[in-house]
N, C-alpha and C. Protein backbone atom coordinates (compact mmCIF):
# COMPACT_ATOMS: atom_id res chain seq x y z
N UNK A 1 1.78 37.38 -20.69
CA UNK A 1 1.78 38.52 -19.77
C UNK A 1 2.59 39.68 -20.35
N UNK A 2 3.19 39.48 -21.50
CA UNK A 2 4.00 40.53 -22.11
C UNK A 2 3.11 41.57 -22.79
N UNK A 3 1.89 41.16 -23.17
CA UNK A 3 1.01 42.06 -23.91
C UNK A 3 0.02 42.79 -22.99
N UNK A 4 0.30 42.80 -21.70
CA UNK A 4 -0.61 43.48 -20.77
C UNK A 4 -0.72 44.96 -21.12
N UNK A 5 0.39 45.58 -21.48
CA UNK A 5 0.38 46.99 -21.83
C UNK A 5 -0.31 47.20 -23.18
N UNK A 6 -0.26 46.19 -24.05
CA UNK A 6 -0.84 46.32 -25.38
C UNK A 6 -2.36 46.36 -25.29
N UNK A 7 -2.99 45.27 -24.80
CA UNK A 7 -4.43 45.34 -24.56
C UNK A 7 -4.66 45.50 -23.07
N UNK A 8 -4.86 46.73 -22.67
CA UNK A 8 -4.94 47.06 -21.25
C UNK A 8 -6.40 47.01 -20.80
N UNK A 9 -6.97 45.80 -20.80
CA UNK A 9 -8.35 45.65 -20.35
C UNK A 9 -8.37 45.14 -18.91
N UNK A 10 -9.44 45.44 -18.21
CA UNK A 10 -9.53 45.04 -16.79
C UNK A 10 -9.44 43.53 -16.66
N UNK A 11 -10.07 42.79 -17.60
CA UNK A 11 -10.05 41.33 -17.54
C UNK A 11 -8.63 40.80 -17.64
N UNK A 12 -7.85 41.36 -18.54
CA UNK A 12 -6.45 40.92 -18.71
C UNK A 12 -5.65 41.20 -17.44
N UNK A 13 -5.84 42.38 -16.86
CA UNK A 13 -5.09 42.75 -15.66
C UNK A 13 -5.45 41.83 -14.50
N UNK A 14 -6.76 41.58 -14.32
CA UNK A 14 -7.20 40.70 -13.22
C UNK A 14 -6.67 39.29 -13.44
N UNK A 15 -6.76 38.80 -14.67
CA UNK A 15 -6.30 37.44 -14.97
C UNK A 15 -4.80 37.31 -14.71
N UNK A 16 -4.03 38.28 -15.15
CA UNK A 16 -2.57 38.22 -14.94
C UNK A 16 -2.25 38.29 -13.45
N UNK A 17 -2.98 39.11 -12.71
CA UNK A 17 -2.74 39.22 -11.26
C UNK A 17 -3.03 37.90 -10.57
N UNK A 18 -4.13 37.24 -10.95
CA UNK A 18 -4.48 35.95 -10.34
C UNK A 18 -3.40 34.92 -10.66
N UNK A 19 -2.92 34.91 -11.89
CA UNK A 19 -1.89 33.94 -12.29
C UNK A 19 -0.62 34.17 -11.49
N UNK A 20 -0.22 35.42 -11.31
CA UNK A 20 0.98 35.74 -10.54
C UNK A 20 0.83 35.27 -9.10
N UNK A 21 -0.34 35.50 -8.51
CA UNK A 21 -0.56 35.09 -7.13
C UNK A 21 -0.55 33.58 -7.01
N UNK A 22 -1.13 32.88 -7.98
CA UNK A 22 -1.12 31.42 -7.95
C UNK A 22 0.31 30.89 -8.04
N UNK A 23 1.10 31.46 -8.92
CA UNK A 23 2.50 31.04 -9.07
C UNK A 23 3.27 31.30 -7.77
N UNK A 24 3.02 32.45 -7.16
CA UNK A 24 3.70 32.78 -5.90
C UNK A 24 3.32 31.79 -4.81
N UNK A 25 2.05 31.39 -4.75
CA UNK A 25 1.61 30.42 -3.74
C UNK A 25 2.27 29.08 -3.98
N UNK A 26 2.36 28.67 -5.23
CA UNK A 26 2.98 27.38 -5.55
C UNK A 26 4.45 27.39 -5.14
N UNK A 27 5.16 28.47 -5.45
CA UNK A 27 6.57 28.56 -5.07
C UNK A 27 6.72 28.63 -3.56
N UNK A 28 5.77 29.28 -2.89
CA UNK A 28 5.85 29.41 -1.43
C UNK A 28 5.62 28.05 -0.76
N UNK A 29 4.67 27.29 -1.28
CA UNK A 29 4.37 25.97 -0.70
C UNK A 29 5.52 25.01 -0.95
N UNK A 30 6.12 25.10 -2.13
CA UNK A 30 7.24 24.21 -2.46
C UNK A 30 8.56 24.92 -2.13
């Protein structure tokens, strides 16, 4: 997720956003 600014493609942004939301849900459930 450090290279989001480097290759700023829509796919990368969407993928990183989904990963962040998944991590947040996991932390919220636990």
